[in-house]
Amino acid sequence: MSSSSGRALEASDNELILSAASVWELGIKAGLGRLKLPGSVAAYVGEKVEQGLRVLSVDWTHAAAVEKLPSQHGDPFDRLLAAQSLAEKLPLVTGDRAFRRYGVQVIW
């Protein structure tokens, strides 16, 4: 993680939001053994929610907005995150430069 993204995450005036699509991806990776957490994904995310993290649900407008995105990124999770970011006017904290091509505001 870059120093600027770390500062953005630690700033007390910034609301931290996690997409439900990211929770889904965490669950898949943990289930496949590609992600090790101290407990379950539900326990991990639940703890973060108790600490003030907000989970952004995926609604049909986010899912439908994927259709309008250029097909430059094959990862369906990333495409959904880009659609949510654009629809909700929220920046993404990511090192993946592909998001910039969608017009997403990236913090890294």
PDB file of N, CA and C in Angstrom:
ATOM      1  N   MET A   1       0.851  -1.172   0.000  1.00  0.00           N
ATOM      2  CA  MET A   1       0.000   0.000   0.000  1.00  0.00           C
ATOM      3  C   MET A   1       0.898   1.235   0.000  1.00  0.00           C
ATOM      4  N   SER A   2       0.528   2.210  -0.785  1.00  0.00           N
ATOM      5  CA  SER A   2       1.314   3.438  -0.868  1.00  0.00           C
ATOM      6  C   SER A   2       1.074   4.308   0.366  1.00  0.00           C
ATOM      7  N   SER A   3       1.969   5.272   0.569  1.00  0.00           N
ATOM      8  CA  SER A   3       1.809   6.160   1.723  1.00  0.00           C
ATOM      9  C   SER A   3       0.574   7.046   1.575  1.00  0.00           C
ATOM     10  N   SER A   4       0.261   7.476   0.338  1.00  0.00           N
ATOM     11  CA  SER A   4      -0.927   8.329   0.160  1.00  0.00           C
ATOM     12  C   SER A   4      -2.213   7.553   0.405  1.00  0.00           C
ATOM     13  N   SER A   5      -2.255   6.281   0.000  1.00  0.00           N
ATOM     14  CA  SER A   5      -3.467   5.498   0.270  1.00  0.00           C
ATOM     15  C   SER A   5      -3.584   5.197   1.761  1.00  0.00           C
ATOM     16  N   GLY A   6      -2.465   4.963   2.417  1.00  0.00           N
ATOM     17  CA  GLY A   6      -2.490   4.749   3.863  1.00  0.00           C
ATOM     18  C   GLY A   6      -3.000   5.966   4.612  1.00  0.00           C
ATOM     19  N   ARG A   7      -2.548   7.148   4.185  1.00  0.00           N
ATOM     20  CA  ARG A   7      -3.026   8.387   4.819  1.00  0.00           C
ATOM     21  C   ARG A   7      -4.522   8.574   4.590  1.00  0.00           C
ATOM     22  N   ALA A   8      -4.986   8.264   3.382  1.00  0.00           N
ATOM     23  CA  ALA A   8      -6.420   8.411   3.079  1.00  0.00           C
ATOM     24  C   ALA A   8      -7.254   7.483   3.949  1.00  0.00           C
ATOM     25  N   LEU A   9      -6.768   6.262   4.156  1.00  0.00           N
ATOM     26  CA  LEU A   9      -7.514   5.304   4.973  1.00  0.00           C
ATOM     27  C   LEU A   9      -7.512   5.689   6.450  1.00  0.00           C
ATOM     28  N   GLU A  10      -6.437   6.315   6.892  1.00  0.00           N
ATOM     29  CA  GLU A  10      -6.320   6.674   8.304  1.00  0.00           C
ATOM     30  C   GLU A  10      -6.965   8.016   8.646  1.00  0.00           C
ATOM     31  N   ALA A  11      -7.253   8.835   7.657  1.00  0.00           N
ATOM     32  CA  ALA A  11      -7.834  10.156   7.919  1.00  0.00           C
ATOM     33  C   ALA A  11      -9.197   9.998   8.585  1.00  0.00           C
ATOM     34  N   SER A  12      -9.369  10.670   9.710  1.00  0.00           N
ATOM     35  CA  SER A  12     -10.599  10.492  10.490  1.00  0.00           C
ATOM     36  C   SER A  12     -11.831  11.059   9.800  1.00  0.00           C
ATOM     37  N   ASP A  13     -11.639  11.972   8.849  1.00  0.00           N
ATOM     38  CA  ASP A  13     -12.797  12.559   8.181  1.00  0.00           C
ATOM     39  C   ASP A  13     -13.238  11.770   6.951  1.00  0.00           C
ATOM     40  N   ASN A  14     -12.536  10.708   6.627  1.00  0.00           N
ATOM     41  CA  ASN A  14     -12.918   9.862   5.495  1.00  0.00           C
ATOM     42  C   ASN A  14     -13.738   8.671   5.973  1.00  0.00           C
ATOM     43  N   GLU A  15     -14.859   8.442   5.314  1.00  0.00           N
ATOM     44  CA  GLU A  15     -15.669   7.262   5.611  1.00  0.00           C
ATOM     45  C   GLU A  15     -15.113   6.088   4.811  1.00  0.00           C
ATOM     46  N   LEU A  16     -14.861   4.983   5.479  1.00  0.00           N
ATOM     47  CA  LEU A  16     -14.355   3.796   4.799  1.00  0.00           C
ATOM     48  C   LEU A  16     -15.531   2.928   4.379  1.00  0.00           C
ATOM     49  N   ILE A  17     -15.534   2.579   3.101  1.00  0.00           N
ATOM     50  CA  ILE A  17     -16.633   1.808   2.522  1.00  0.00           C
ATOM     51  C   ILE A  17     -16.046   0.602   1.814  1.00  0.00           C
ATOM     52  N   LEU A  18     -16.633  -0.547   2.047  1.00  0.00           N
ATOM     53  CA  LEU A  18     -16.223  -1.792   1.404  1.00  0.00           C
ATOM     54  C   LEU A  18     -17.394  -2.310   0.593  1.00  0.00           C
ATOM     55  N   SER A  19     -17.146  -2.611  -0.659  1.00  0.00           N
ATOM     56  CA  SER A  19     -18.208  -3.145  -1.505  1.00  0.00           C
ATOM     57  C   SER A  19     -18.552  -4.575  -1.096  1.00  0.00           C
ATOM     58  N   ALA A  20     -19.827  -4.891  -1.139  1.00  0.00           N
ATOM     59  CA  ALA A  20     -20.251  -6.276  -0.910  1.00  0.00           C
ATOM     60  C   ALA A  20     -19.617  -7.197  -1.944  1.00  0.00           C
ATOM     61  N   ALA A  21     -19.293  -6.665  -3.126  1.00  0.00           N
ATOM     62  CA  ALA A  21     -18.598  -7.460  -4.144  1.00  0.00           C
ATOM     63  C   ALA A  21     -17.216  -7.874  -3.647  1.00  0.00           C
ATOM     64  N   SER A  22     -16.561  -7.014  -2.896  1.00  0.00           N
ATOM     65  CA  SER A  22     -15.255  -7.354  -2.326  1.00  0.00           C
ATOM     66  C   SER A  22     -15.391  -8.419  -1.243  1.00  0.00           C
ATOM     67  N   VAL A  23     -16.462  -8.341  -0.471  1.00  0.00           N
ATOM     68  CA  VAL A  23     -16.718  -9.375   0.542  1.00  0.00           C
ATOM     69  C   VAL A  23     -16.934 -10.717  -0.145  1.00  0.00           C
ATOM     70  N   TRP A  24     -17.684 -10.712  -1.225  1.00  0.00           N
ATOM     71  CA  TRP A  24     -17.921 -11.927  -2.011  1.00  0.00           C
ATOM     72  C   TRP A  24     -16.590 -12.489  -2.525  1.00  0.00           C
ATOM     73  N   GLU A  25     -15.735 -11.615  -3.053  1.00  0.00           N
ATOM     74  CA  GLU A  25     -14.439 -12.055  -3.559  1.00  0.00           C
ATOM     75  C   GLU A  25     -13.572 -12.613  -2.431  1.00  0.00           C
ATOM     76  N   LEU A  26     -13.605 -11.976  -1.260  1.00  0.00           N
ATOM     77  CA  LEU A  26     -12.876 -12.504  -0.104  1.00  0.00           C
ATOM     78  C   LEU A  26     -13.362 -13.908   0.248  1.00  0.00           C
ATOM     79  N   GLY A  27     -14.680 -14.097   0.235  1.00  0.00           N
ATOM     80  CA  GLY A  27     -15.248 -15.410   0.541  1.00  0.00           C
ATOM     81  C   GLY A  27     -14.803 -16.480  -0.441  1.00  0.00           C
ATOM     82  N   ILE A  28     -14.779 -16.135  -1.709  1.00  0.00           N
ATOM     83  CA  ILE A  28     -14.331 -17.093  -2.726  1.00  0.00           C
ATOM     84  C   ILE A  28     -12.866 -17.442  -2.508  1.00  0.00           C
ATOM     85  N   LYS A  29     -12.022 -16.432  -2.322  1.00  0.00           N
ATOM     86  CA  LYS A  29     -10.590 -16.679  -2.136  1.00  0.00           C
ATOM     87  C   LYS A  29     -10.319 -17.470  -0.858  1.00  0.00           C
ATOM     88  N   ALA A  30     -11.020 -17.147   0.220  1.00  0.00           N
ATOM     89  CA  ALA A  30     -10.839 -17.890   1.470  1.00  0.00           C
ATOM     90  C   ALA A  30     -11.293 -19.336   1.300  1.00  0.00           C
ATOM     91  N   GLY A  31     -12.415 -19.532   0.614  1.00  0.00           N
ATOM     92  CA  GLY A  31     -12.925 -20.883   0.387  1.00  0.00           C
ATOM     93  C   GLY A  31     -12.000 -21.738  -0.457  1.00  0.00           C
ATOM     94  N   LEU A  32     -11.254 -21.095  -1.357  1.00  0.00           N
ATOM     95  CA  LEU A  32     -10.304 -21.813  -2.211  1.00  0.00           C
ATOM     96  C   LEU A  32      -8.933 -21.970  -1.561  1.00  0.00           C
ATOM     97  N   GLY A  33      -8.778 -21.412  -0.360  1.00  0.00           N
ATOM     98  CA  GLY A  33      -7.505 -21.502   0.342  1.00  0.00           C
ATOM     99  C   GLY A  33      -6.473 -20.486  -0.125  1.00  0.00           C
ATOM    100  N   ARG A  34      -6.883 -19.486  -0.894  1.00  0.00           N
ATOM    101  CA  ARG A  34      -5.954 -18.469  -1.404  1.00  0.00           C
ATOM    102  C   ARG A  34      -5.863 -17.247  -0.495  1.00  0.00           C
ATOM    103  N   LEU A  35      -6.672 -17.231   0.551  1.00  0.00           N
ATOM    104  CA  LEU A  35      -6.666 -16.115   1.497  1.00  0.00           C
ATOM    105  C   LEU A  35      -6.770 -16.692   2.895  1.00  0.00           C
ATOM    106  N   LYS A  36      -5.834 -16.319   3.730  1.00  0.00           N
ATOM    107  CA  LYS A  36      -5.832 -16.781   5.117  1.00  0.00           C
ATOM    108  C   LYS A  36      -6.232 -15.630   6.033  1.00  0.00           C
ATOM    109  N   LEU A  37      -7.295 -15.825   6.757  1.00  0.00           N
ATOM    110  CA  LEU A  37      -7.746 -14.869   7.763  1.00  0.00           C
ATOM    111  C   LEU A  37      -7.728 -15.562   9.116  1.00  0.00           C
ATOM    112  N   PRO A  38      -7.644 -14.805  10.210  1.00  0.00           N
ATOM    113  CA  PRO A  38      -7.638 -15.442  11.528  1.00  0.00           C
ATOM    114  C   PRO A  38      -8.924 -16.193  11.846  1.00  0.00           C
ATOM    115  N   GLY A  39     -10.009 -15.828  11.189  1.00  0.00           N
ATOM    116  CA  GLY A  39     -11.297 -16.496  11.374  1.00  0.00           C
ATOM    117  C   GLY A  39     -12.026 -16.519  10.052  1.00  0.00           C
ATOM    118  N   SER A  40     -13.325 -16.510  10.113  1.00  0.00           N
ATOM    119  CA  SER A  40     -14.129 -16.519   8.892  1.00  0.00           C
ATOM    120  C   SER A  40     -14.179 -15.126   8.261  1.00  0.00           C
ATOM    121  N   VAL A  41     -14.560 -15.084   7.002  1.00  0.00           N
ATOM    122  CA  VAL A  41     -14.757 -13.801   6.323  1.00  0.00           C
ATOM    123  C   VAL A  41     -15.842 -13.006   7.042  1.00  0.00           C
ATOM    124  N   ALA A  42     -16.909 -13.683   7.440  1.00  0.00           N
ATOM    125  CA  ALA A  42     -18.006 -13.002   8.140  1.00  0.00           C
ATOM    126  C   ALA A  42     -17.512 -12.364   9.437  1.00  0.00           C
ATOM    127  N   ALA A  43     -16.700 -13.088  10.195  1.00  0.00           N
ATOM    128  CA  ALA A  43     -16.174 -12.543  11.450  1.00  0.00           C
ATOM    129  C   ALA A  43     -15.238 -11.367  11.174  1.00  0.00           C
ATOM    130  N   TYR A  44     -14.401 -11.493  10.156  1.00  0.00           N
ATOM    131  CA  TYR A  44     -13.456 -10.432   9.805  1.00  0.00           C
ATOM    132  C   TYR A  44     -14.191  -9.154   9.395  1.00  0.00           C
ATOM    133  N   VAL A  45     -15.126  -9.287   8.467  1.00  0.00           N
ATOM    134  CA  VAL A  45     -15.867  -8.111   7.996  1.00  0.00           C
ATOM    135  C   VAL A  45     -16.751  -7.560   9.117  1.00  0.00           C
ATOM    136  N   GLY A  46     -17.375  -8.445   9.891  1.00  0.00           N
ATOM    137  CA  GLY A  46     -18.205  -8.000  11.010  1.00  0.00           C
ATOM    138  C   GLY A  46     -17.426  -7.160  12.004  1.00  0.00           C
ATOM    139  N   GLU A  47     -16.199  -7.566  12.282  1.00  0.00           N
ATOM    140  CA  GLU A  47     -15.342  -6.794  13.189  1.00  0.00           C
ATOM    141  C   GLU A  47     -15.044  -5.414  12.603  1.00  0.00           C
ATOM    142  N   LYS A  48     -14.768  -5.368  11.307  1.00  0.00           N
ATOM    143  CA  LYS A  48     -14.481  -4.083  10.654  1.00  0.00           C
ATOM    144  C   LYS A  48     -15.719  -3.179  10.648  1.00  0.00           C
ATOM    145  N   VAL A  49     -16.887  -3.767  10.469  1.00  0.00           N
ATOM    146  CA  VAL A  49     -18.133  -2.988  10.507  1.00  0.00           C
ATOM    147  C   VAL A  49     -18.326  -2.395  11.904  1.00  0.00           C
ATOM    148  N   GLU A  50     -18.050  -3.187  12.936  1.00  0.00           N
ATOM    149  CA  GLU A  50     -18.155  -2.684  14.310  1.00  0.00           C
ATOM    150  C   GLU A  50     -17.190  -1.534  14.563  1.00  0.00           C
ATOM    151  N   GLN A  51     -16.080  -1.508  13.821  1.00  0.00           N
ATOM    152  CA  GLN A  51     -15.083  -0.441  13.956  1.00  0.00           C
ATOM    153  C   GLN A  51     -15.421   0.774  13.088  1.00  0.00           C
ATOM    154  N   GLY A  52     -16.532   0.724  12.369  1.00  0.00           N
ATOM    155  CA  GLY A  52     -16.965   1.891  11.605  1.00  0.00           C
ATOM    156  C   GLY A  52     -16.976   1.741  10.097  1.00  0.00           C
ATOM    157  N   LEU A  53     -16.520   0.622   9.591  1.00  0.00           N
ATOM    158  CA  LEU A  53     -16.548   0.389   8.148  1.00  0.00           C
ATOM    159  C   LEU A  53     -17.990   0.235   7.683  1.00  0.00           C
ATOM    160  N   ARG A  54     -18.306   0.816   6.533  1.00  0.00           N
ATOM    161  CA  ARG A  54     -19.647   0.656   5.956  1.00  0.00           C
ATOM    162  C   ARG A  54     -19.542  -0.257   4.749  1.00  0.00           C
ATOM    163  N   VAL A  55     -20.455  -1.199   4.642  1.00  0.00           N
ATOM    164  CA  VAL A  55     -20.499  -2.095   3.485  1.00  0.00           C
ATOM    165  C   VAL A  55     -21.514  -1.541   2.496  1.00  0.00           C
ATOM    166  N   LEU A  56     -21.070  -1.371   1.255  1.00  0.00           N
ATOM    167  CA  LEU A  56     -21.928  -0.883   0.182  1.00  0.00           C
ATOM    168  C   LEU A  56     -22.537  -2.082  -0.532  1.00  0.00           C
ATOM    169  N   SER A  57     -23.843  -2.207  -0.445  1.00  0.00           N
ATOM    170  CA  SER A  57     -24.535  -3.304  -1.120  1.00  0.00           C
ATOM    171  C   SER A  57     -24.445  -3.130  -2.628  1.00  0.00           C
ATOM    172  N   VAL A  58     -24.541  -4.238  -3.322  1.00  0.00           N
ATOM    173  CA  VAL A  58     -24.612  -4.217  -4.781  1.00  0.00           C
ATOM    174  C   VAL A  58     -26.088  -4.206  -5.141  1.00  0.00           C
ATOM    175  N   ASP A  59     -26.518  -3.190  -5.883  1.00  0.00           N
ATOM    176  CA  ASP A  59     -27.910  -3.204  -6.320  1.00  0.00           C
ATOM    177  C   ASP A  59     -27.965  -3.352  -7.839  1.00  0.00           C
ATOM    178  N   TRP A  60     -29.169  -3.438  -8.352  1.00  0.00           N
ATOM    179  CA  TRP A  60     -29.322  -3.736  -9.772  1.00  0.00           C
ATOM    180  C   TRP A  60     -28.749  -2.636 -10.657  1.00  0.00           C
ATOM    181  N   THR A  61     -28.736  -1.387 -10.170  1.00  0.00           N
ATOM    182  CA  THR A  61     -28.183  -0.309 -10.999  1.00  0.00           C
ATOM    183  C   THR A  61     -26.676  -0.452 -11.149  1.00  0.00           C
ATOM    184  N   HIS A  62     -26.011  -0.929 -10.103  1.00  0.00           N
ATOM    185  CA  HIS A  62     -24.573  -1.186 -10.196  1.00  0.00           C
ATOM    186  C   HIS A  62     -24.313  -2.310 -11.194  1.00  0.00           C
ATOM    187  N   ALA A  63     -25.069  -3.383 -11.055  1.00  0.00           N
ATOM    188  CA  ALA A  63     -24.879  -4.532 -11.948  1.00  0.00           C
ATOM    189  C   ALA A  63     -25.150  -4.153 -13.399  1.00  0.00           C
ATOM    190  N   ALA A  64     -26.200  -3.383 -13.634  1.00  0.00           N
ATOM    191  CA  ALA A  64     -26.542  -2.988 -15.003  1.00  0.00           C
ATOM    192  C   ALA A  64     -25.519  -2.019 -15.579  1.00  0.00           C
ATOM    193  N   ALA A  65     -24.886  -1.212 -14.740  1.00  0.00           N
ATOM    194  CA  ALA A  65     -23.901  -0.232 -15.214  1.00  0.00           C
ATOM    195  C   ALA A  65     -22.655  -0.884 -15.796  1.00  0.00           C
ATOM    196  N   VAL A  66     -22.408  -2.137 -15.447  1.00  0.00           N
ATOM    197  CA  VAL A  66     -21.258  -2.861 -16.001  1.00  0.00           C
ATOM    198  C   VAL A  66     -21.339  -2.910 -17.525  1.00  0.00           C
ATOM    199  N   GLU A  67     -22.554  -2.970 -18.050  1.00  0.00           N
ATOM    200  CA  GLU A  67     -22.758  -3.044 -19.495  1.00  0.00           C
ATOM    201  C   GLU A  67     -22.112  -1.867 -20.230  1.00  0.00           C
ATOM    202  N   LYS A  68     -22.086  -0.711 -19.604  1.00  0.00           N
ATOM    203  CA  LYS A  68     -21.587   0.499 -20.260  1.00  0.00           C
ATOM    204  C   LYS A  68     -20.076   0.668 -20.154  1.00  0.00           C
ATOM    205  N   LEU A  69     -19.425  -0.193 -19.393  1.00  0.00           N
ATOM    206  CA  LEU A  69     -17.979  -0.073 -19.228  1.00  0.00           C
ATOM    207  C   LEU A  69     -17.247  -0.657 -20.430  1.00  0.00           C
ATOM    208  N   PRO A  70     -16.116  -0.064 -20.806  1.00  0.00           N
ATOM    209  CA  PRO A  70     -15.300  -0.667 -21.864  1.00  0.00           C
ATOM    210  C   PRO A  70     -14.847  -2.057 -21.426  1.00  0.00           C
ATOM    211  N   SER A  71     -14.637  -2.926 -22.363  1.00  0.00           N
ATOM    212  CA  SER A  71     -14.289  -4.320 -22.026  1.00  0.00           C
ATOM    213  C   SER A  71     -12.785  -4.514 -21.901  1.00  0.00           C
ATOM    214  N   GLN A  72     -12.117  -3.593 -21.239  1.00  0.00           N
ATOM    215  CA  GLN A  72     -10.667  -3.675 -21.103  1.00  0.00           C
ATOM    216  C   GLN A  72     -10.215  -4.470 -19.879  1.00  0.00           C
ATOM    217  N   HIS A  73     -11.124  -4.855 -19.047  1.00  0.00           N
ATOM    218  CA  HIS A  73     -10.769  -5.569 -17.818  1.00  0.00           C
ATOM    219  C   HIS A  73     -11.648  -6.806 -17.736  1.00  0.00           C
ATOM    220  N   GLY A  74     -11.043  -7.977 -17.706  1.00  0.00           N
ATOM    221  CA  GLY A  74     -11.812  -9.211 -17.723  1.00  0.00           C
ATOM    222  C   GLY A  74     -12.328  -9.674 -16.370  1.00  0.00           C
ATOM    223  N   ASP A  75     -11.822  -9.110 -15.296  1.00  0.00           N
ATOM    224  CA  ASP A  75     -12.211  -9.550 -13.958  1.00  0.00           C
ATOM    225  C   ASP A  75     -13.598  -9.000 -13.624  1.00  0.00           C
ATOM    226  N   PRO A  76     -14.597  -9.871 -13.465  1.00  0.00           N
ATOM    227  CA  PRO A  76     -15.957  -9.383 -13.202  1.00  0.00           C
ATOM    228  C   PRO A  76     -16.080  -8.616 -11.886  1.00  0.00           C
ATOM    229  N   PHE A  77     -15.299  -8.975 -10.878  1.00  0.00           N
ATOM    230  CA  PHE A  77     -15.340  -8.243  -9.611  1.00  0.00           C
ATOM    231  C   PHE A  77     -14.845  -6.812  -9.820  1.00  0.00           C
ATOM    232  N   ASP A  78     -13.745  -6.676 -10.550  1.00  0.00           N
ATOM    233  CA  ASP A  78     -13.198  -5.345 -10.787  1.00  0.00           C
ATOM    234  C   ASP A  78     -14.140  -4.496 -11.625  1.00  0.00           C
ATOM    235  N   ARG A  79     -14.796  -5.095 -12.586  1.00  0.00           N
ATOM    236  CA  ARG A  79     -15.756  -4.353 -13.407  1.00  0.00           C
ATOM    237  C   ARG A  79     -16.923  -3.857 -12.544  1.00  0.00           C
ATOM    238  N   LEU A  80     -17.379  -4.701 -11.622  1.00  0.00           N
ATOM    239  CA  LEU A  80     -18.462  -4.292 -10.727  1.00  0.00           C
ATOM    240  C   LEU A  80     -18.000  -3.188  -9.779  1.00  0.00           C
ATOM    241  N   LEU A  81     -16.782  -3.296  -9.270  1.00  0.00           N
ATOM    242  CA  LEU A  81     -16.245  -2.242  -8.405  1.00  0.00           C
ATOM    243  C   LEU A  81     -16.141  -0.917  -9.159  1.00  0.00           C
ATOM    244  N   ALA A  82     -15.717  -0.970 -10.412  1.00  0.00           N
ATOM    245  CA  ALA A  82     -15.636   0.248 -11.225  1.00  0.00           C
ATOM    246  C   ALA A  82     -17.022   0.846 -11.419  1.00  0.00           C
ATOM    247  N   ALA A  83     -17.999   0.008 -11.717  1.00  0.00           N
ATOM    248  CA  ALA A  83     -19.372   0.491 -11.915  1.00  0.00           C
ATOM    249  C   ALA A  83     -19.911   1.125 -10.636  1.00  0.00           C
ATOM    250  N   GLN A  84     -19.660   0.493  -9.493  1.00  0.00           N
ATOM    251  CA  GLN A  84     -20.107   1.064  -8.216  1.00  0.00           C
ATOM    252  C   GLN A  84     -19.418   2.396  -7.937  1.00  0.00           C
ATOM    253  N   SER A  85     -18.127   2.440  -8.165  1.00  0.00           N
ATOM    254  CA  SER A  85     -17.368   3.659  -7.919  1.00  0.00           C
ATOM    255  C   SER A  85     -17.906   4.821  -8.741  1.00  0.00           C
ATOM    256  N   LEU A  86     -18.183   4.566 -10.009  1.00  0.00           N
ATOM    257  CA  LEU A  86     -18.708   5.613 -10.884  1.00  0.00           C
ATOM    258  C   LEU A  86     -20.130   6.013 -10.488  1.00  0.00           C
ATOM    259  N   ALA A  87     -20.973   5.024 -10.213  1.00  0.00           N
ATOM    260  CA  ALA A  87     -22.376   5.307  -9.879  1.00  0.00           C
ATOM    261  C   ALA A  87     -22.507   6.073  -8.566  1.00  0.00           C
ATOM    262  N   GLU A  88     -21.692   5.704  -7.597  1.00  0.00           N
ATOM    263  CA  GLU A  88     -21.784   6.313  -6.264  1.00  0.00           C
ATOM    264  C   GLU A  88     -20.836   7.497  -6.080  1.00  0.00           C
ATOM    265  N   LYS A  89     -20.019   7.758  -7.115  1.00  0.00           N
ATOM    266  CA  LYS A  89     -19.032   8.850  -7.063  1.00  0.00           C
ATOM    267  C   LYS A  89     -18.081   8.676  -5.873  1.00  0.00           C
ATOM    268  N   LEU A  90     -17.561   7.457  -5.760  1.00  0.00           N
ATOM    269  CA  LEU A  90     -16.640   7.113  -4.687  1.00  0.00           C
ATOM    270  C   LEU A  90     -15.282   6.746  -5.276  1.00  0.00           C
ATOM    271  N   PRO A  91     -14.195   7.190  -4.655  1.00  0.00           N
ATOM    272  CA  PRO A  91     -12.876   6.767  -5.133  1.00  0.00           C
ATOM    273  C   PRO A  91     -12.591   5.333  -4.703  1.00  0.00           C
ATOM    274  N   LEU A  92     -11.674   4.698  -5.414  1.00  0.00           N
ATOM    275  CA  LEU A  92     -11.231   3.350  -5.061  1.00  0.00           C
ATOM    276  C   LEU A  92      -9.793   3.418  -4.569  1.00  0.00           C
ATOM    277  N   VAL A  93      -9.499   2.695  -3.515  1.00  0.00           N
ATOM    278  CA  VAL A  93      -8.129   2.543  -3.057  1.00  0.00           C
ATOM    279  C   VAL A  93      -7.621   1.256  -3.692  1.00  0.00           C
ATOM    280  N   THR A  94      -6.753   1.416  -4.691  1.00  0.00           N
ATOM    281  CA  THR A  94      -6.234   0.259  -5.415  1.00  0.00           C
ATOM    282  C   THR A  94      -4.943   0.622  -6.133  1.00  0.00           C
ATOM    283  N   GLY A  95      -4.094  -0.354  -6.282  1.00  0.00           N
ATOM    284  CA  GLY A  95      -2.880  -0.185  -7.068  1.00  0.00           C
ATOM    285  C   GLY A  95      -3.066  -0.609  -8.511  1.00  0.00           C
ATOM    286  N   ASP A  96      -4.255  -1.068  -8.855  1.00  0.00           N
ATOM    287  CA  ASP A  96      -4.551  -1.546 -10.211  1.00  0.00           C
ATOM    288  C   ASP A  96      -4.811  -0.347 -11.124  1.00  0.00           C
ATOM    289  N   ARG A  97      -3.890  -0.080 -12.031  1.00  0.00           N
ATOM    290  CA  ARG A  97      -3.991   1.069 -12.933  1.00  0.00           C
ATOM    291  C   ARG A  97      -5.141   0.944 -13.921  1.00  0.00           C
ATOM    292  N   ALA A  98      -5.644  -0.255 -14.140  1.00  0.00           N
ATOM    293  CA  ALA A  98      -6.724  -0.459 -15.113  1.00  0.00           C
ATOM    294  C   ALA A  98      -7.972   0.341 -14.745  1.00  0.00           C
ATOM    295  N   PHE A  99      -8.176   0.591 -13.465  1.00  0.00           N
ATOM    296  CA  PHE A  99      -9.366   1.334 -13.038  1.00  0.00           C
ATOM    297  C   PHE A  99      -9.364   2.769 -13.571  1.00  0.00           C
ATOM    298  N   ARG A 100      -8.197   3.339 -13.756  1.00  0.00           N
ATOM    299  CA  ARG A 100      -8.107   4.709 -14.278  1.00  0.00           C
ATOM    300  C   ARG A 100      -8.690   4.800 -15.686  1.00  0.00           C
ATOM    301  N   ARG A 101      -8.565   3.744 -16.462  1.00  0.00           N
ATOM    302  CA  ARG A 101      -9.086   3.750 -17.836  1.00  0.00           C
ATOM    303  C   ARG A 101     -10.610   3.796 -17.859  1.00  0.00           C
ATOM    304  N   TYR A 102     -11.235   3.442 -16.758  1.00  0.00           N
ATOM    305  CA  TYR A 102     -12.693   3.542 -16.659  1.00  0.00           C
ATOM    306  C   TYR A 102     -13.135   4.945 -16.249  1.00  0.00           C
ATOM    307  N   GLY A 103     -12.193   5.770 -15.846  1.00  0.00           N
ATOM    308  CA  GLY A 103     -12.547   7.097 -15.347  1.00  0.00           C
ATOM    309  C   GLY A 103     -12.804   7.117 -13.852  1.00  0.00           C
ATOM    310  N   VAL A 104     -12.438   6.035 -13.179  1.00  0.00           N
ATOM    311  CA  VAL A 104     -12.611   5.921 -11.731  1.00  0.00           C
ATOM    312  C   VAL A 104     -11.534   6.749 -11.030  1.00  0.00           C
ATOM    313  N   GLN A 105     -11.921   7.462  -9.987  1.00  0.00           N
ATOM    314  CA  GLN A 105     -10.937   8.171  -9.166  1.00  0.00           C
ATOM    315  C   GLN A 105     -10.212   7.138  -8.313  1.00  0.00           C
ATOM    316  N   VAL A 106      -8.909   7.037  -8.499  1.00  0.00           N
ATOM    317  CA  VAL A 106      -8.102   6.045  -7.795  1.00  0.00           C
ATOM    318  C   VAL A 106      -7.208   6.744  -6.785  1.00  0.00           C
ATOM    319  N   ILE A 107      -7.163   6.181  -5.592  1.00  0.00           N
ATOM    320  CA  ILE A 107      -6.233   6.634  -4.559  1.00  0.00           C
ATOM    321  C   ILE A 107      -5.188   5.544  -4.421  1.00  0.00           C
ATOM    322  N   TRP A 108      -3.955   5.893  -4.649  1.00  0.00           N
ATOM    323  CA  TRP A 108      -2.850   4.966  -4.456  1.00  0.00           C
ATOM    324  C   TRP A 108      -1.602   5.723  -4.246  1.00  0.00           C
TER     325      TRP A 108
END
